Every structure is written in C-alpha cells, then in structure tokens.
C-alpha cells in the first residue's frame, strides 16, 4: 500500500489494486514511522558521540528524510502524494522527534514544554487528516 493518501473520490485506473482506505489508515499514513524507527534507533548513540551538535544533525537528517521517503514511495508506487501531506508528515516527525529526544539542548532547556510536545504527537496527525480529507462531491443543483 502506498504511503500517499488515496483519493477515494478518484475514478482513474490505478496500478495498485483498490484497497478500501479507512480514516484510521489515513491518520497512520501521516505518521512517518519508517523515519521515526531510524531516529529512535539512532538516538541512544548520541550519548556516545562527543560532538554536542550531533542530536541536532540527526534531527535535521530525519526532517530531510521524511519528504524524501514519501516522494520515493510515491514514485515507485505510481501514487504521488499531494504537497500538504509532505507538510503534515514533516510536522508529525518534528513532534515525535522532540518528544523522543530534545535536539536543542545546547540552546534551550526542555523543562516546561514536555506536555506540549506530547500533545503535538496526537494533534498533528489528527489535524492533518482533517485538512487532507477528501472533498465530498456536491450534488448538482436541482
């Protein structure tokens, strides 16, 4: 199944067999789990790296990888994503990444924003799903 959200109202012939995509599927596609898995696996290494900017570089690498992975998946599956999905997936990665590990520690303390980042993990994909929902066809005027 492609990472791009399927336009449920489209009637064009697709190379991918038609799969009924639920709202939950659409929300889960907005969480970049493939890049988050890499990020979560790499975060423990930051304690062994003496360079203080390594967490920031790792975070920025994730931010760059999210749209790249979505683009490459869309190209390989012949199902390109719309540009708002790139934005929502990148924002979702940022929310998850700063919740998992704070990459801005050399400059800003994370003391009072833990609850904000935890809330963002939930709100960003849900808001993104609302923004990216399919436009329902309107009935022609009678």
Protein backbone atom coordinates (compact mmCIF):
# COMPACT_ATOMS: atom_id res chain seq x y z
CA UNK A 1 0.00 0.00 0.00
CA UNK A 2 1.47 3.38 -0.93
CA UNK A 3 2.26 5.99 1.70
CA UNK A 4 0.36 8.62 -0.27
CA UNK A 5 -3.23 9.10 0.79
CA UNK A 6 -5.55 7.57 -1.78
CA UNK A 7 -8.07 9.95 -3.32
CA UNK A 8 -11.20 7.97 -2.57
CA UNK A 9 -13.26 10.05 -4.98
CA UNK A 10 -10.98 9.43 -7.98
CA UNK A 11 -12.23 7.06 -10.64
CA UNK A 12 -8.97 6.74 -12.58
CA UNK A 13 -7.43 3.33 -13.18
CA UNK A 14 -4.62 2.62 -10.73
CA UNK A 15 -1.76 0.14 -10.91
CA UNK A 16 -2.26 -0.68 -7.25
CA UNK A 17 -5.23 -2.94 -6.54
CA UNK A 18 -8.03 -0.97 -4.94
CA UNK A 19 -7.97 -1.20 -1.16
CA UNK A 20 -10.60 0.48 0.91
CA UNK A 21 -8.67 3.01 2.98
CA UNK A 22 -10.20 3.76 6.36
CA UNK A 23 -9.86 7.02 8.28
CA UNK A 24 -7.52 5.29 10.71
CA UNK A 25 -5.32 4.19 7.77
CA UNK A 26 -5.17 7.79 6.62
CA UNK A 27 -4.15 9.05 10.08
CA UNK A 28 -1.47 6.36 10.41
CA UNK A 29 -0.03 7.24 7.00
CA UNK A 30 0.57 10.75 8.30
CA UNK A 31 2.97 9.45 10.97
CA UNK A 32 6.34 8.80 9.30
CA UNK A 33 7.06 5.53 11.10
CA UNK A 34 9.79 4.46 8.67
CA UNK A 35 11.91 7.53 9.53
CA UNK A 36 10.91 7.52 13.20
CA UNK A 37 12.19 3.95 13.53
CA UNK A 38 15.58 5.11 12.24
CA UNK A 39 15.56 8.15 14.52
CA UNK A 40 14.54 6.22 17.65
CA UNK A 41 17.22 3.60 16.97
CA UNK A 42 19.89 6.29 16.45
CA UNK A 43 19.06 8.50 19.46
CA UNK A 44 20.89 6.31 22.04
CA UNK A 45 24.11 6.75 20.04
CA UNK A 46 24.06 10.49 20.77
CA UNK A 47 25.29 9.80 24.32
CA UNK A 48 28.50 8.25 22.96
CA UNK A 49 29.20 10.95 20.34
CA UNK A 50 31.27 13.78 21.84
CA UNK A 51 30.09 16.38 19.31
CA UNK A 52 27.36 18.41 21.01
CA UNK A 53 25.57 19.19 17.72
CA UNK A 54 25.09 15.53 16.77
CA UNK A 55 21.49 15.34 18.13
CA UNK A 56 20.58 18.40 16.04
CA UNK A 57 22.19 16.92 12.91
CA UNK A 58 20.35 13.64 13.50
CA UNK A 59 17.07 15.56 13.91
CA UNK A 60 17.67 17.57 10.71
CA UNK A 61 18.53 14.37 8.82
CA UNK A 62 15.14 13.00 9.86
CA UNK A 63 13.39 16.19 8.76
CA UNK A 64 15.03 15.85 5.33
CA UNK A 65 14.34 12.11 5.06
CA UNK A 66 10.58 12.39 5.69
CA UNK A 67 9.66 14.16 2.42
CA UNK A 68 12.32 12.23 0.51
CA UNK A 69 10.89 8.85 1.59
CA UNK A 70 7.36 9.99 0.72
CA UNK A 71 8.49 11.21 -2.70
CA UNK A 72 10.39 8.00 -3.49
CA UNK A 73 7.48 5.85 -2.33
CA UNK A 74 5.06 7.84 -4.48
CA UNK A 75 7.33 7.48 -7.48
CA UNK A 76 7.84 3.75 -7.04
CA UNK A 77 4.13 3.05 -6.39
CA UNK A 78 2.93 5.45 -9.10
CA UNK A 79 0.83 7.20 -6.44
CA UNK A 80 2.36 10.61 -5.76
CA UNK A 81 1.35 12.43 -2.60
CA UNK A 82 -0.15 15.90 -2.55
CA UNK A 83 2.04 18.66 -1.14
CA UNK A 84 0.05 19.11 2.12
CA UNK A 85 0.86 15.51 3.02
CA UNK A 86 4.57 16.38 2.84
CA UNK A 87 3.99 19.23 5.30
CA UNK A 88 1.86 17.20 7.73
CA UNK A 89 4.25 14.22 7.76
CA UNK A 90 7.22 16.53 8.37
CA UNK A 91 5.40 18.29 11.23
CA UNK A 92 4.44 14.90 12.67
CA UNK A 93 8.08 13.81 12.58
CA UNK A 94 9.13 17.00 14.33
CA UNK A 95 6.51 16.46 17.05
CA UNK A 96 7.55 12.84 17.61
CA UNK A 97 11.27 13.56 17.43
CA UNK A 98 11.23 16.34 20.03
CA UNK A 99 9.14 14.11 22.28
CA UNK A 100 11.60 11.23 21.98
CA UNK A 101 14.77 13.31 22.30
CA UNK A 102 15.26 17.06 22.65
CA UNK A 103 17.79 18.05 19.91
CA UNK A 104 18.01 21.70 21.02
CA UNK A 105 19.57 21.00 24.45
CA UNK A 106 22.71 23.12 23.83
CA UNK A 107 20.49 26.20 23.42
CA UNK A 108 17.07 25.66 25.02
CA UNK A 109 16.04 23.62 28.06
CA UNK A 110 13.06 21.29 27.67
CA UNK A 111 11.77 21.88 31.20
CA UNK A 112 8.29 23.30 30.64
CA UNK A 113 7.27 22.04 27.22
CA UNK A 114 7.08 18.28 27.70
CA UNK A 115 3.30 18.30 27.75
CA UNK A 116 3.18 20.48 24.61
CA UNK A 117 5.30 18.03 22.60
CA UNK A 118 3.24 15.09 23.87
CA UNK A 119 0.04 16.83 22.84
CA UNK A 120 1.52 17.68 19.43
CA UNK A 121 2.15 13.96 18.80
CA UNK A 122 -1.63 13.45 18.94
CA UNK A 123 -2.88 16.70 17.43
CA UNK A 124 -0.66 16.96 14.31
CA UNK A 125 -1.80 13.71 12.61
CA UNK A 126 -5.44 14.27 13.58
CA UNK A 127 -5.45 17.86 12.32
CA UNK A 128 -3.59 16.73 9.21
CA UNK A 129 -6.20 14.09 8.50
CA UNK A 130 -8.90 16.75 8.76
CA UNK A 131 -7.02 19.11 6.44
CA UNK A 132 -6.32 16.33 3.93
CA UNK A 133 -9.76 14.75 3.94
CA UNK A 134 -11.36 14.11 0.58
CA UNK A 135 -13.70 16.67 -0.80
CA UNK A 136 -17.14 15.15 -0.98
CA UNK A 137 -18.82 15.61 -4.35
CA UNK A 138 -21.63 18.11 -4.18
CA UNK A 139 -24.99 17.30 -5.66
CA UNK A 140 -25.83 19.28 -8.80
CA UNK A 141 -28.44 21.99 -8.29
CA UNK A 142 -31.96 20.79 -8.97
